[in-house]
Protein backbone atom coordinates (compact mmCIF):
# COMPACT_ATOMS: atom_id res chain seq x y z
CA UNK A 1 0.00 0.00 0.00
CA UNK A 2 2.83 2.39 0.81
CA UNK A 3 4.32 1.64 -2.58
CA UNK A 4 1.22 2.97 -4.42
CA UNK A 5 1.16 6.19 -2.41
CA UNK A 6 4.84 6.80 -3.07
CA UNK A 7 4.56 6.23 -6.82
CA UNK A 8 1.59 8.63 -7.09
CA UNK A 9 3.54 11.29 -5.19
CA UNK A 10 6.55 10.84 -7.48
CA UNK A 11 4.39 11.32 -10.57
CA UNK A 12 2.89 14.54 -9.24
CA UNK A 13 6.26 16.18 -8.54
CA UNK A 14 7.38 16.06 -12.18
CA UNK A 15 7.49 19.04 -14.53
CA UNK A 16 4.21 20.61 -15.57
CA UNK A 17 2.77 19.39 -18.87
CA UNK A 18 3.74 21.20 -22.05
CA UNK A 19 1.38 24.01 -22.96
CA UNK A 20 1.05 25.81 -26.31
CA UNK A 21 -0.03 28.93 -24.45
CA UNK A 22 3.51 29.37 -23.19
CA UNK A 23 4.89 29.01 -26.70
CA UNK A 24 2.65 31.70 -28.16
CA UNK A 25 3.56 34.14 -25.39
CA UNK A 26 7.25 33.38 -25.95
CA UNK A 27 6.92 34.01 -29.68
CA UNK A 28 5.04 37.24 -28.97
CA UNK A 29 7.75 38.39 -26.56
CA UNK A 30 10.49 37.57 -29.07
CA UNK A 31 8.68 39.45 -31.84
CA UNK A 32 8.34 42.46 -29.57
CA UNK A 33 12.02 42.27 -28.64
CA UNK A 34 13.07 41.95 -32.29
CA UNK A 35 10.89 44.90 -33.31
CA UNK A 36 12.33 47.18 -30.64
CA UNK A 37 15.88 45.99 -31.36
CA UNK A 38 15.52 46.97 -35.01
CA UNK A 39 13.87 50.23 -33.99
CA UNK A 40 16.68 50.95 -31.51
CA UNK A 41 19.30 50.59 -34.23
CA UNK A 42 17.60 52.27 -37.18
CA UNK A 43 15.63 55.16 -35.68
CA UNK A 44 18.45 57.03 -33.87
CA UNK A 45 20.89 56.59 -36.75
CA UNK A 46 18.32 57.63 -39.33
CA UNK A 47 17.21 60.63 -37.29
CA UNK A 48 20.83 61.64 -36.71
CA UNK A 49 21.70 61.84 -40.40
CA UNK A 50 18.32 63.19 -41.50
CA UNK A 51 18.22 65.96 -38.90
CA UNK A 52 21.84 66.86 -39.53
CA UNK A 53 21.45 67.14 -43.28
CA UNK A 54 17.93 68.46 -43.71
CA UNK A 55 17.05 70.33 -40.53
CA UNK A 56 20.22 71.74 -39.02
CA UNK A 57 22.42 72.24 -42.10
CA UNK A 58 19.64 72.55 -44.69
CA UNK A 59 16.89 74.60 -43.06
CA UNK A 60 18.74 76.35 -40.23
CA UNK A 61 22.04 76.84 -42.14
CA UNK A 62 24.18 75.78 -39.15
CA UNK A 63 27.84 74.97 -39.42
CA UNK A 64 28.93 71.36 -39.67
CA UNK A 65 30.28 71.22 -36.12
CA UNK A 66 27.10 72.68 -34.63
CA UNK A 67 24.89 70.37 -36.64
CA UNK A 68 26.81 67.33 -35.34
CA UNK A 69 26.08 68.39 -31.79
CA UNK A 70 22.36 69.02 -32.25
CA UNK A 71 21.85 65.92 -34.39
CA UNK A 72 23.46 63.84 -31.63
CA UNK A 73 20.97 65.30 -29.15
CA UNK A 74 18.10 64.28 -31.46
CA UNK A 75 19.52 60.74 -31.68
CA UNK A 76 19.87 60.45 -27.90
CA UNK A 77 16.28 61.63 -27.43
CA UNK A 78 15.16 59.01 -29.97
CA UNK A 79 16.95 56.29 -27.98
CA UNK A 80 15.14 57.38 -24.83
CA UNK A 81 11.77 57.38 -26.57
CA UNK A 82 12.33 53.86 -27.94
CA UNK A 83 13.41 52.62 -24.51
CA UNK A 84 10.37 54.18 -22.85
CA UNK A 85 8.07 52.60 -25.44
CA UNK A 86 9.72 49.22 -24.93
CA UNK A 87 9.27 49.41 -21.16
CA UNK A 88 5.62 50.45 -21.61
CA UNK A 89 4.87 47.60 -24.03
CA UNK A 90 6.74 45.03 -21.94
CA UNK A 91 4.95 46.16 -18.79
CA UNK A 92 1.51 45.91 -20.39
CA UNK A 93 2.18 42.70 -22.33
CA UNK A 94 1.66 40.44 -19.33
CA UNK A 95 -1.30 42.34 -17.93
CA UNK A 96 -4.66 40.60 -18.29
CA UNK A 97 -7.11 42.22 -20.66
CA UNK A 98 -10.23 43.41 -18.85
CA UNK A 99 -13.35 43.11 -20.99
CA UNK A 100 -16.06 43.73 -18.46
CA UNK A 101 -16.83 46.41 -15.94
CA UNK A 102 -16.06 45.59 -12.32
CA UNK A 103 -18.49 46.84 -9.68
């Protein structure tokens, strides 16, 4: 009799069964990470060169050394915006969606 109790306890202490729900959330998290990684690389670099050429040197007629400085500030601000968006999305990704009104 003790043998049956012990074998049932051993079976219940194993790993939880595989669930496809975990896989879809993992894929969703990886897609989000990949999107923000690409955004983190392309947006600041693109804004740096675009603002330097078109805004600071083109429209405002700044010197090359001044336009480097201000374009770098634009790129740093873009990095902070992307990081803030990533934190916001990551924070809300695991939150349950509320459909009804709670009284």
